[in-house]
């Protein structure tokens, strides 16, 4: 069996209670899904915000696509670090905006350079924290200084798909950091720690004006009924699910220590993966590690390994 290590999936399936919810929901797939109100309300209650501050969509990437469709357009710019989440270039291109990629410094965001990249055309800044695929984090004091430099009419999106795996005490919780900042929004997902990558459920927490715009641009029924049921059941079983995250954290430490012992340079990661900065050896590694019949053989993989 081949494993798609670059996908950063959870190796663990849904909990029995979540499987039960999925099975029950499967019996009603002849009906259109609800409008996600129950899921939005549950998320709002879980994170202590009004329901008007929450939008949901088809994975965090789907929510981001909708957000960019709502606020970006040709003639505007979207700034993000590179390398970062591989979907950013595609999603920005689909919005018609121009991508402004700022190189990483030491495998993490160079916020000083990103601040210098801001112009009057900048509509959105994307900050992936922890960063995918390097696993590094931006610390609270650094991020607060950066946010102070961003104009109020420029939206900063904190992509926290791997938040549940963070052990860095200096890494901020975006949901706390955004309070009092109407131009800051947070993206999260059920795909990673919650183990629902195949069902595609993501959500945004932000200013209600932004949330209204995102909801208005969202394709109807983009979160299907099974996905909604699974997400609700996962929230109900959250403590049990997050206990399993500890196993991933232990494996992350074990695998990194083993790689370091072999002489590899592996940055400390706060995702459910590790980054191997292979540099010029990447292509050779790719050609040896991937079979020609792999459905993903046409694309170059990210240099990451999931524990």
C-alpha atoms as a PDB file:
ATOM      1  CA  UNK A   1       0.000   0.000   0.000  1.00  0.00           C
ATOM      2  CA  UNK A   2       1.332   3.439  -0.945  1.00  0.00           C
ATOM      3  CA  UNK A   3       0.883   6.343   1.434  1.00  0.00           C
ATOM      4  CA  UNK A   4       0.420   9.922   0.253  1.00  0.00           C
ATOM      5  CA  UNK A   5       2.723  11.464   2.839  1.00  0.00           C
ATOM      6  CA  UNK A   6       2.492  14.883   1.185  1.00  0.00           C
ATOM      7  CA  UNK A   7      -1.271  15.000   1.862  1.00  0.00           C
ATOM      8  CA  UNK A   8      -0.763  15.387   5.637  1.00  0.00           C
ATOM      9  CA  UNK A   9      -3.833  13.282   6.355  1.00  0.00           C
ATOM     10  CA  UNK A  10      -4.758  11.863   9.738  1.00  0.00           C
ATOM     11  CA  UNK A  11      -3.818   8.164   9.841  1.00  0.00           C
ATOM     12  CA  UNK A  12      -6.777   7.529  12.138  1.00  0.00           C
ATOM     13  CA  UNK A  13     -10.352   7.040  11.007  1.00  0.00           C
ATOM     14  CA  UNK A  14     -13.436   8.641  12.566  1.00  0.00           C
ATOM     15  CA  UNK A  15     -14.481   7.681  16.078  1.00  0.00           C
ATOM     16  CA  UNK A  16     -17.317   5.123  16.420  1.00  0.00           C
ATOM     17  CA  UNK A  17     -19.780   7.872  17.371  1.00  0.00           C
ATOM     18  CA  UNK A  18     -18.853   9.805  14.230  1.00  0.00           C
ATOM     19  CA  UNK A  19     -19.193   6.685  12.064  1.00  0.00           C
ATOM     20  CA  UNK A  20     -22.644   6.152  13.570  1.00  0.00           C
ATOM     21  CA  UNK A  21     -23.633   9.724  12.663  1.00  0.00           C
ATOM     22  CA  UNK A  22     -22.312   9.217   9.133  1.00  0.00           C
ATOM     23  CA  UNK A  23     -24.254   5.965   8.767  1.00  0.00           C
ATOM     24  CA  UNK A  24     -27.492   7.557   9.958  1.00  0.00           C
ATOM     25  CA  UNK A  25     -27.038  10.544   7.647  1.00  0.00           C
ATOM     26  CA  UNK A  26     -26.351   8.235   4.696  1.00  0.00           C
ATOM     27  CA  UNK A  27     -29.927   6.991   4.923  1.00  0.00           C
ATOM     28  CA  UNK A  28     -31.216  10.443   3.982  1.00  0.00           C
ATOM     29  CA  UNK A  29     -29.013  11.354   1.038  1.00  0.00           C
ATOM     30  CA  UNK A  30     -32.063  11.499  -1.209  1.00  0.00           C
ATOM     31  CA  UNK A  31     -32.809  14.807   0.522  1.00  0.00           C
ATOM     32  CA  UNK A  32     -30.976  18.083  -0.004  1.00  0.00           C
ATOM     33  CA  UNK A  33     -28.763  19.041   2.940  1.00  0.00           C
ATOM     34  CA  UNK A  34     -29.807  21.635   5.498  1.00  0.00           C
ATOM     35  CA  UNK A  35     -28.414  25.151   5.321  1.00  0.00           C
ATOM     36  CA  UNK A  36     -25.591  24.428   7.817  1.00  0.00           C
ATOM     37  CA  UNK A  37     -27.276  26.519  10.527  1.00  0.00           C
ATOM     38  CA  UNK A  38     -26.875  23.771  13.147  1.00  0.00           C
ATOM     39  CA  UNK A  39     -23.171  23.408  12.344  1.00  0.00           C
ATOM     40  CA  UNK A  40     -22.612  27.172  12.348  1.00  0.00           C
ATOM     41  CA  UNK A  41     -24.353  27.484  15.708  1.00  0.00           C
ATOM     42  CA  UNK A  42     -22.301  24.605  17.159  1.00  0.00           C
ATOM     43  CA  UNK A  43     -19.052  26.173  15.961  1.00  0.00           C
ATOM     44  CA  UNK A  44     -20.070  29.556  17.326  1.00  0.00           C
ATOM     45  CA  UNK A  45     -20.829  28.005  20.709  1.00  0.00           C
ATOM     46  CA  UNK A  46     -17.574  26.033  20.705  1.00  0.00           C
ATOM     47  CA  UNK A  47     -15.405  29.073  19.975  1.00  0.00           C
ATOM     48  CA  UNK A  48     -17.373  31.686  21.898  1.00  0.00           C
ATOM     49  CA  UNK A  49     -18.437  33.940  19.020  1.00  0.00           C
ATOM     50  CA  UNK A  50     -21.821  34.975  17.606  1.00  0.00           C
ATOM     51  CA  UNK A  51     -23.139  32.794  14.795  1.00  0.00           C
ATOM     52  CA  UNK A  52     -22.957  35.826  12.513  1.00  0.00           C
ATOM     53  CA  UNK A  53     -19.146  35.553  12.746  1.00  0.00           C
ATOM     54  CA  UNK A  54     -18.999  32.020  11.269  1.00  0.00           C
ATOM     55  CA  UNK A  55     -19.157  30.718   7.716  1.00  0.00           C
ATOM     56  CA  UNK A  56     -18.660  27.121   6.576  1.00  0.00           C
ATOM     57  CA  UNK A  57     -17.701  25.559   3.290  1.00  0.00           C
ATOM     58  CA  UNK A  58     -16.216  22.649   1.378  1.00  0.00           C
ATOM     59  CA  UNK A  59     -12.969  22.368   3.328  1.00  0.00           C
ATOM     60  CA  UNK A  60     -10.880  25.371   4.348  1.00  0.00           C
ATOM     61  CA  UNK A  61      -9.620  25.599   0.758  1.00  0.00           C
ATOM     62  CA  UNK A  62     -13.222  25.855  -0.429  1.00  0.00           C
ATOM     63  CA  UNK A  63     -13.962  28.573   2.112  1.00  0.00           C
ATOM     64  CA  UNK A  64     -10.837  30.446   1.002  1.00  0.00           C
ATOM     65  CA  UNK A  65     -11.851  30.190  -2.649  1.00  0.00           C
ATOM     66  CA  UNK A  66     -15.229  31.673  -1.789  1.00  0.00           C
ATOM     67  CA  UNK A  67     -13.619  34.404   0.306  1.00  0.00           C
ATOM     68  CA  UNK A  68     -11.302  35.401  -2.535  1.00  0.00           C
ATOM     69  CA  UNK A  69     -14.212  35.382  -4.957  1.00  0.00           C
ATOM     70  CA  UNK A  70     -16.020  37.780  -2.613  1.00  0.00           C
ATOM     71  CA  UNK A  71     -13.208  40.247  -1.892  1.00  0.00           C
ATOM     72  CA  UNK A  72     -10.501  39.916  -4.557  1.00  0.00           C
ATOM     73  CA  UNK A  73     -10.723  40.819  -8.254  1.00  0.00           C
ATOM     74  CA  UNK A  74      -8.532  41.626 -11.254  1.00  0.00           C
ATOM     75  CA  UNK A  75      -6.250  44.541 -10.461  1.00  0.00           C
ATOM     76  CA  UNK A  76      -5.873  43.602  -6.800  1.00  0.00           C
ATOM     77  CA  UNK A  77      -3.074  41.643  -5.144  1.00  0.00           C
ATOM     78  CA  UNK A  78      -2.941  38.769  -2.666  1.00  0.00           C
ATOM     79  CA  UNK A  79       0.260  38.452  -0.641  1.00  0.00           C
ATOM     80  CA  UNK A  80       1.435  35.178   0.851  1.00  0.00           C
ATOM     81  CA  UNK A  81       4.664  33.431   1.811  1.00  0.00           C
ATOM     82  CA  UNK A  82       6.266  30.890  -0.474  1.00  0.00           C
ATOM     83  CA  UNK A  83       6.633  28.126  -0.031  1.00  0.00           C
ATOM     84  CA  UNK A  84       3.288  27.726   1.709  1.00  0.00           C
ATOM     85  CA  UNK A  85       0.005  25.892   1.098  1.00  0.00           C
ATOM     86  CA  UNK A  86       0.137  24.657  -2.477  1.00  0.00           C
ATOM     87  CA  UNK A  87      -3.460  25.677  -3.250  1.00  0.00           C
ATOM     88  CA  UNK A  88      -2.811  29.394  -2.733  1.00  0.00           C
ATOM     89  CA  UNK A  89      -1.481  30.116  -6.254  1.00  0.00           C
ATOM     90  CA  UNK A  90      -4.420  28.309  -7.867  1.00  0.00           C
ATOM     91  CA  UNK A  91      -7.060  29.960  -5.690  1.00  0.00           C
ATOM     92  CA  UNK A  92      -5.618  33.431  -6.229  1.00  0.00           C
ATOM     93  CA  UNK A  93      -5.485  32.842  -9.977  1.00  0.00           C
ATOM     94  CA  UNK A  94      -9.128  31.734  -9.995  1.00  0.00           C
ATOM     95  CA  UNK A  95     -10.124  34.984  -8.260  1.00  0.00           C
ATOM     96  CA  UNK A  96      -8.471  37.051 -10.984  1.00  0.00           C
ATOM     97  CA  UNK A  97      -6.152  38.758  -8.503  1.00  0.00           C
ATOM     98  CA  UNK A  98      -2.364  38.862  -8.801  1.00  0.00           C
ATOM     99  CA  UNK A  99      -0.316  36.633  -6.505  1.00  0.00           C
ATOM    100  CA  UNK A 100       2.594  38.256  -4.682  1.00  0.00           C
ATOM    101  CA  UNK A 101       4.829  35.508  -3.289  1.00  0.00           C
ATOM    102  CA  UNK A 102       7.310  36.440  -0.554  1.00  0.00           C
ATOM    103  CA  UNK A 103      10.130  33.903   0.028  1.00  0.00           C
ATOM    104  CA  UNK A 104      10.377  32.210   3.394  1.00  0.00           C
ATOM    105  CA  UNK A 105      13.253  33.045   5.725  1.00  0.00           C
ATOM    106  CA  UNK A 106      14.571  30.111   7.729  1.00  0.00           C
ATOM    107  CA  UNK A 107      11.596  27.980   6.636  1.00  0.00           C
ATOM    108  CA  UNK A 108       9.118  30.442   8.138  1.00  0.00           C
ATOM    109  CA  UNK A 109       7.219  33.589   7.162  1.00  0.00           C
ATOM    110  CA  UNK A 110       9.359  36.691   6.645  1.00  0.00           C
ATOM    111  CA  UNK A 111       6.844  39.170   8.029  1.00  0.00           C
ATOM    112  CA  UNK A 112       9.182  42.125   7.553  1.00  0.00           C
ATOM    113  CA  UNK A 113       9.457  41.362   3.834  1.00  0.00           C
ATOM    114  CA  UNK A 114       5.724  40.684   3.644  1.00  0.00           C
ATOM    115  CA  UNK A 115       4.983  44.084   5.177  1.00  0.00           C
ATOM    116  CA  UNK A 116       7.234  45.710   2.576  1.00  0.00           C
ATOM    117  CA  UNK A 117       5.325  43.859  -0.165  1.00  0.00           C
ATOM    118  CA  UNK A 118       2.046  45.545   0.752  1.00  0.00           C
ATOM    119  CA  UNK A 119       0.801  48.153  -1.720  1.00  0.00           C
ATOM    120  CA  UNK A 120      -2.393  50.079  -2.315  1.00  0.00           C
ATOM    121  CA  UNK A 121      -3.445  47.137  -4.502  1.00  0.00           C
ATOM    122  CA  UNK A 122      -3.112  44.553  -1.710  1.00  0.00           C
ATOM    123  CA  UNK A 123      -6.553  43.218  -0.877  1.00  0.00           C
ATOM    124  CA  UNK A 124      -5.684  40.050   1.109  1.00  0.00           C
ATOM    125  CA  UNK A 125      -2.698  38.670   3.025  1.00  0.00           C
ATOM    126  CA  UNK A 126      -2.574  34.917   3.705  1.00  0.00           C
ATOM    127  CA  UNK A 127      -0.582  33.654   6.685  1.00  0.00           C
ATOM    128  CA  UNK A 128      -0.460  29.894   7.154  1.00  0.00           C
ATOM    129  CA  UNK A 129       0.316  29.266  10.821  1.00  0.00           C
ATOM    130  CA  UNK A 130       1.677  26.630  11.330  1.00  0.00           C
ATOM    131  CA  UNK A 131       3.005  26.859   7.809  1.00  0.00           C
ATOM    132  CA  UNK A 132       2.288  24.051   5.378  1.00  0.00           C
ATOM    133  CA  UNK A 133       4.590  22.390   4.371  1.00  0.00           C
ATOM    134  CA  UNK A 134       7.433  23.540   6.659  1.00  0.00           C
ATOM    135  CA  UNK A 135       5.552  23.198   9.963  1.00  0.00           C
ATOM    136  CA  UNK A 136       7.064  26.379  11.413  1.00  0.00           C
ATOM    137  CA  UNK A 137       5.108  28.950  13.413  1.00  0.00           C
ATOM    138  CA  UNK A 138       4.919  32.727  13.546  1.00  0.00           C
ATOM    139  CA  UNK A 139       5.005  33.987  17.120  1.00  0.00           C
ATOM    140  CA  UNK A 140       2.410  36.274  18.647  1.00  0.00           C
ATOM    141  CA  UNK A 141       4.629  39.340  19.095  1.00  0.00           C
ATOM    142  CA  UNK A 142       5.826  39.086  15.492  1.00  0.00           C
ATOM    143  CA  UNK A 143       2.305  38.713  14.154  1.00  0.00           C
ATOM    144  CA  UNK A 144       0.931  41.562  16.262  1.00  0.00           C
ATOM    145  CA  UNK A 145       3.665  43.899  14.965  1.00  0.00           C
ATOM    146  CA  UNK A 146       2.810  42.854  11.419  1.00  0.00           C
ATOM    147  CA  UNK A 147      -0.931  43.374  11.917  1.00  0.00           C
ATOM    148  CA  UNK A 148      -0.253  46.872  13.229  1.00  0.00           C
ATOM    149  CA  UNK A 149       1.351  47.691   9.863  1.00  0.00           C
ATOM    150  CA  UNK A 150      -1.505  46.365   7.734  1.00  0.00           C
ATOM    151  CA  UNK A 151      -4.058  48.961   6.544  1.00  0.00           C
ATOM    152  CA  UNK A 152      -7.569  48.467   7.904  1.00  0.00           C
ATOM    153  CA  UNK A 153      -8.942  47.941   4.399  1.00  0.00           C
ATOM    154  CA  UNK A 154      -6.608  44.983   3.807  1.00  0.00           C
ATOM    155  CA  UNK A 155      -7.826  41.585   5.018  1.00  0.00           C
ATOM    156  CA  UNK A 156      -5.408  39.259   6.826  1.00  0.00           C
ATOM    157  CA  UNK A 157      -6.435  35.597   6.746  1.00  0.00           C
ATOM    158  CA  UNK A 158      -4.809  33.338   9.342  1.00  0.00           C
ATOM    159  CA  UNK A 159      -4.913  29.820   7.942  1.00  0.00           C
ATOM    160  CA  UNK A 160      -4.814  27.547  10.995  1.00  0.00           C
ATOM    161  CA  UNK A 161      -5.556  24.156   9.471  1.00  0.00           C
ATOM    162  CA  UNK A 162      -3.025  22.540  11.835  1.00  0.00           C
ATOM    163  CA  UNK A 163      -3.809  24.500  14.983  1.00  0.00           C
ATOM    164  CA  UNK A 164      -4.618  21.364  17.016  1.00  0.00           C
ATOM    165  CA  UNK A 165      -1.036  20.112  16.581  1.00  0.00           C
ATOM    166  CA  UNK A 166       0.692  23.244  17.916  1.00  0.00           C
ATOM    167  CA  UNK A 167       2.942  22.829  20.947  1.00  0.00           C
ATOM    168  CA  UNK A 168       4.736  26.162  20.569  1.00  0.00           C
ATOM    169  CA  UNK A 169       3.546  28.306  23.470  1.00  0.00           C
ATOM    170  CA  UNK A 170       4.530  31.496  21.607  1.00  0.00           C
ATOM    171  CA  UNK A 171       2.305  30.688  18.635  1.00  0.00           C
ATOM    172  CA  UNK A 172      -0.923  32.700  18.919  1.00  0.00           C
ATOM    173  CA  UNK A 173      -4.443  31.365  18.717  1.00  0.00           C
ATOM    174  CA  UNK A 174      -5.835  33.323  15.798  1.00  0.00           C
ATOM    175  CA  UNK A 175      -9.333  33.263  17.266  1.00  0.00           C
ATOM    176  CA  UNK A 176      -8.002  35.206  20.243  1.00  0.00           C
ATOM    177  CA  UNK A 177      -5.740  37.439  18.172  1.00  0.00           C
ATOM    178  CA  UNK A 178      -8.530  38.550  15.829  1.00  0.00           C
ATOM    179  CA  UNK A 179     -10.658  40.005  18.619  1.00  0.00           C
ATOM    180  CA  UNK A 180     -10.880  43.742  18.114  1.00  0.00           C
ATOM    181  CA  UNK A 181      -9.416  43.504  14.596  1.00  0.00           C
ATOM    182  CA  UNK A 182     -12.169  43.579  11.986  1.00  0.00           C
ATOM    183  CA  UNK A 183      -9.668  42.982   9.168  1.00  0.00           C
ATOM    184  CA  UNK A 184      -8.446  39.638  10.574  1.00  0.00           C
ATOM    185  CA  UNK A 185     -10.179  36.329   9.821  1.00  0.00           C
ATOM    186  CA  UNK A 186      -9.308  32.753  10.775  1.00  0.00           C
ATOM    187  CA  UNK A 187      -9.617  29.610   8.660  1.00  0.00           C
ATOM    188  CA  UNK A 188      -9.816  26.156  10.215  1.00  0.00           C
ATOM    189  CA  UNK A 189     -10.759  22.681   9.046  1.00  0.00           C
ATOM    190  CA  UNK A 190     -12.134  19.304  10.075  1.00  0.00           C
ATOM    191  CA  UNK A 191      -9.774  17.593   7.615  1.00  0.00           C
ATOM    192  CA  UNK A 192      -6.709  17.140   9.814  1.00  0.00           C
ATOM    193  CA  UNK A 193      -7.030  16.522  13.546  1.00  0.00           C
ATOM    194  CA  UNK A 194     -10.724  15.618  13.203  1.00  0.00           C
ATOM    195  CA  UNK A 195      -9.961  13.059  10.483  1.00  0.00           C
ATOM    196  CA  UNK A 196     -12.658  14.140   8.015  1.00  0.00           C
ATOM    197  CA  UNK A 197     -10.490  15.009   5.004  1.00  0.00           C
ATOM    198  CA  UNK A 198     -12.688  12.933   2.691  1.00  0.00           C
ATOM    199  CA  UNK A 199     -15.857  14.796   3.677  1.00  0.00           C
ATOM    200  CA  UNK A 200     -14.539  18.356   3.188  1.00  0.00           C
ATOM    201  CA  UNK A 201     -15.678  20.648   5.981  1.00  0.00           C
ATOM    202  CA  UNK A 202     -13.938  23.914   6.757  1.00  0.00           C
ATOM    203  CA  UNK A 203     -14.971  27.126   8.474  1.00  0.00           C
ATOM    204  CA  UNK A 204     -14.146  30.804   8.763  1.00  0.00           C
ATOM    205  CA  UNK A 205     -14.403  33.042  11.810  1.00  0.00           C
ATOM    206  CA  UNK A 206     -14.369  36.732  11.009  1.00  0.00           C
ATOM    207  CA  UNK A 207     -16.129  40.065  11.021  1.00  0.00           C
ATOM    208  CA  UNK A 208     -19.865  39.702  10.270  1.00  0.00           C
ATOM    209  CA  UNK A 209     -19.584  41.972   7.206  1.00  0.00           C
ATOM    210  CA  UNK A 210     -16.993  39.613   5.741  1.00  0.00           C
ATOM    211  CA  UNK A 211     -18.954  36.529   6.786  1.00  0.00           C
ATOM    212  CA  UNK A 212     -22.078  37.874   5.078  1.00  0.00           C
ATOM    213  CA  UNK A 213     -20.083  38.389   1.881  1.00  0.00           C
ATOM    214  CA  UNK A 214     -18.599  34.886   2.070  1.00  0.00           C
ATOM    215  CA  UNK A 215     -21.980  33.276   2.719  1.00  0.00           C
ATOM    216  CA  UNK A 216     -23.440  35.192  -0.204  1.00  0.00           C
ATOM    217  CA  UNK A 217     -20.722  33.883  -2.544  1.00  0.00           C
ATOM    218  CA  UNK A 218     -20.954  30.279  -1.330  1.00  0.00           C
ATOM    219  CA  UNK A 219     -22.388  27.660  -3.675  1.00  0.00           C
ATOM    220  CA  UNK A 220     -25.629  26.268  -2.165  1.00  0.00           C
ATOM    221  CA  UNK A 221     -25.300  22.877  -0.446  1.00  0.00           C
ATOM    222  CA  UNK A 222     -21.491  23.044  -0.578  1.00  0.00           C
ATOM    223  CA  UNK A 223     -21.353  21.218   2.769  1.00  0.00           C
ATOM    224  CA  UNK A 224     -23.274  18.004   2.206  1.00  0.00           C
ATOM    225  CA  UNK A 225     -25.555  16.391   4.769  1.00  0.00           C
ATOM    226  CA  UNK A 226     -23.133  13.591   5.681  1.00  0.00           C
ATOM    227  CA  UNK A 227     -20.308  16.082   6.164  1.00  0.00           C
ATOM    228  CA  UNK A 228     -22.485  18.230   8.420  1.00  0.00           C
ATOM    229  CA  UNK A 229     -23.512  15.248  10.533  1.00  0.00           C
ATOM    230  CA  UNK A 230     -19.902  14.082  10.852  1.00  0.00           C
ATOM    231  CA  UNK A 231     -18.674  17.549  11.816  1.00  0.00           C
ATOM    232  CA  UNK A 232     -21.362  17.931  14.478  1.00  0.00           C
ATOM    233  CA  UNK A 233     -20.571  14.486  15.905  1.00  0.00           C
ATOM    234  CA  UNK A 234     -16.856  15.307  15.872  1.00  0.00           C
ATOM    235  CA  UNK A 235     -17.433  18.495  17.849  1.00  0.00           C
ATOM    236  CA  UNK A 236     -19.454  16.487  20.374  1.00  0.00           C
ATOM    237  CA  UNK A 237     -16.557  14.019  20.699  1.00  0.00           C
ATOM    238  CA  UNK A 238     -13.847  16.662  20.525  1.00  0.00           C
ATOM    239  CA  UNK A 239     -12.016  15.758  23.714  1.00  0.00           C
ATOM    240  CA  UNK A 240     -11.788  12.113  22.668  1.00  0.00           C
ATOM    241  CA  UNK A 241     -10.541  13.156  19.231  1.00  0.00           C
ATOM    242  CA  UNK A 242      -7.936  15.537  20.582  1.00  0.00           C
ATOM    243  CA  UNK A 243      -6.608  12.828  22.882  1.00  0.00           C
ATOM    244  CA  UNK A 244      -5.607  10.994  19.698  1.00  0.00           C
ATOM    245  CA  UNK A 245      -3.652  14.047  18.580  1.00  0.00           C
ATOM    246  CA  UNK A 246      -1.198  13.279  21.382  1.00  0.00           C
ATOM    247  CA  UNK A 247      -0.225  10.082  19.549  1.00  0.00           C
ATOM    248  CA  UNK A 248       0.583  12.090  16.437  1.00  0.00           C
ATOM    249  CA  UNK A 249       2.658  14.545  18.468  1.00  0.00           C
ATOM    250  CA  UNK A 250       4.642  11.677  19.971  1.00  0.00           C
ATOM    251  CA  UNK A 251       5.231  10.183  16.520  1.00  0.00           C
ATOM    252  CA  UNK A 252       6.252  13.571  15.140  1.00  0.00           C
ATOM    253  CA  UNK A 253       8.907  13.847  17.823  1.00  0.00           C
ATOM    254  CA  UNK A 254      10.090  10.262  17.348  1.00  0.00           C
ATOM    255  CA  UNK A 255      10.414  10.519  13.568  1.00  0.00           C
ATOM    256  CA  UNK A 256      12.158  13.899  13.702  1.00  0.00           C
ATOM    257  CA  UNK A 257      14.667  12.651  16.267  1.00  0.00           C
ATOM    258  CA  UNK A 258      15.381   9.622  14.091  1.00  0.00           C
ATOM    259  CA  UNK A 259      15.929  11.817  11.030  1.00  0.00           C
ATOM    260  CA  UNK A 260      18.166  14.187  12.973  1.00  0.00           C
ATOM    261  CA  UNK A 261      20.202  11.212  14.170  1.00  0.00           C
ATOM    262  CA  UNK A 262      20.723  10.233  10.519  1.00  0.00           C
ATOM    263  CA  UNK A 263      22.085  13.681   9.758  1.00  0.00           C
ATOM    264  CA  UNK A 264      19.035  15.262   8.125  1.00  0.00           C
ATOM    265  CA  UNK A 265      18.253  18.930   8.753  1.00  0.00           C
ATOM    266  CA  UNK A 266      14.606  18.878   9.846  1.00  0.00           C
ATOM    267  CA  UNK A 267      12.939  22.054  11.165  1.00  0.00           C
ATOM    268  CA  UNK A 268      10.859  21.737  14.311  1.00  0.00           C
ATOM    269  CA  UNK A 269       7.290  21.145  13.133  1.00  0.00           C
ATOM    270  CA  UNK A 270       3.942  22.056  14.640  1.00  0.00           C
ATOM    271  CA  UNK A 271       1.839  20.279  12.039  1.00  0.00           C
ATOM    272  CA  UNK A 272       1.148  16.568  11.619  1.00  0.00           C
ATOM    273  CA  UNK A 273       4.097  16.317   9.222  1.00  0.00           C
ATOM    274  CA  UNK A 274       7.825  17.020   8.917  1.00  0.00           C
ATOM    275  CA  UNK A 275       9.648  19.075   6.291  1.00  0.00           C
ATOM    276  CA  UNK A 276      12.694  17.653   4.519  1.00  0.00           C
ATOM    277  CA  UNK A 277      14.520  20.544   2.838  1.00  0.00           C
ATOM    278  CA  UNK A 278      16.152  18.444   0.113  1.00  0.00           C
ATOM    279  CA  UNK A 279      16.994  21.347  -2.164  1.00  0.00           C
ATOM    280  CA  UNK A 280      18.775  20.222  -5.338  1.00  0.00           C
ATOM    281  CA  UNK A 281      18.167  16.566  -4.402  1.00  0.00           C
ATOM    282  CA  UNK A 282      14.378  16.956  -4.573  1.00  0.00           C
ATOM    283  CA  UNK A 283      13.985  15.744  -8.152  1.00  0.00           C
ATOM    284  CA  UNK A 284      16.142  12.675  -7.573  1.00  0.00           C
ATOM    285  CA  UNK A 285      14.175  11.843  -4.439  1.00  0.00           C
ATOM    286  CA  UNK A 286      10.925  12.310  -6.358  1.00  0.00           C
ATOM    287  CA  UNK A 287      11.974   9.994  -9.179  1.00  0.00           C
ATOM    288  CA  UNK A 288      12.939   7.214  -6.775  1.00  0.00           C
ATOM    289  CA  UNK A 289      10.059   7.546  -4.317  1.00  0.00           C
ATOM    290  CA  UNK A 290       7.122   7.763  -6.708  1.00  0.00           C
ATOM    291  CA  UNK A 291       5.911   5.000  -8.983  1.00  0.00           C
ATOM    292  CA  UNK A 292       5.055   5.852 -12.563  1.00  0.00           C
ATOM    293  CA  UNK A 293       1.563   4.417 -12.185  1.00  0.00           C
ATOM    294  CA  UNK A 294       0.795   6.703  -9.250  1.00  0.00           C
ATOM    295  CA  UNK A 295      -2.146   8.990 -10.075  1.00  0.00           C
ATOM    296  CA  UNK A 296      -0.065  11.803  -8.592  1.00  0.00           C
ATOM    297  CA  UNK A 297       3.102  11.092 -10.588  1.00  0.00           C
ATOM    298  CA  UNK A 298       2.439  14.033 -12.915  1.00  0.00           C
ATOM    299  CA  UNK A 299       2.930  16.566 -10.133  1.00  0.00           C
ATOM    300  CA  UNK A 300       5.994  17.275  -8.075  1.00  0.00           C
ATOM    301  CA  UNK A 301       5.356  16.489  -4.402  1.00  0.00           C
ATOM    302  CA  UNK A 302       5.938  18.857  -1.536  1.00  0.00           C
ATOM    303  CA  UNK A 303       8.981  18.008   0.527  1.00  0.00           C
ATOM    304  CA  UNK A 304       7.055  16.842   3.557  1.00  0.00           C
ATOM    305  CA  UNK A 305       6.673  13.632   5.469  1.00  0.00           C
ATOM    306  CA  UNK A 306       3.774  12.816   7.776  1.00  0.00           C
ATOM    307  CA  UNK A 307       4.601  10.828  10.909  1.00  0.00           C
END
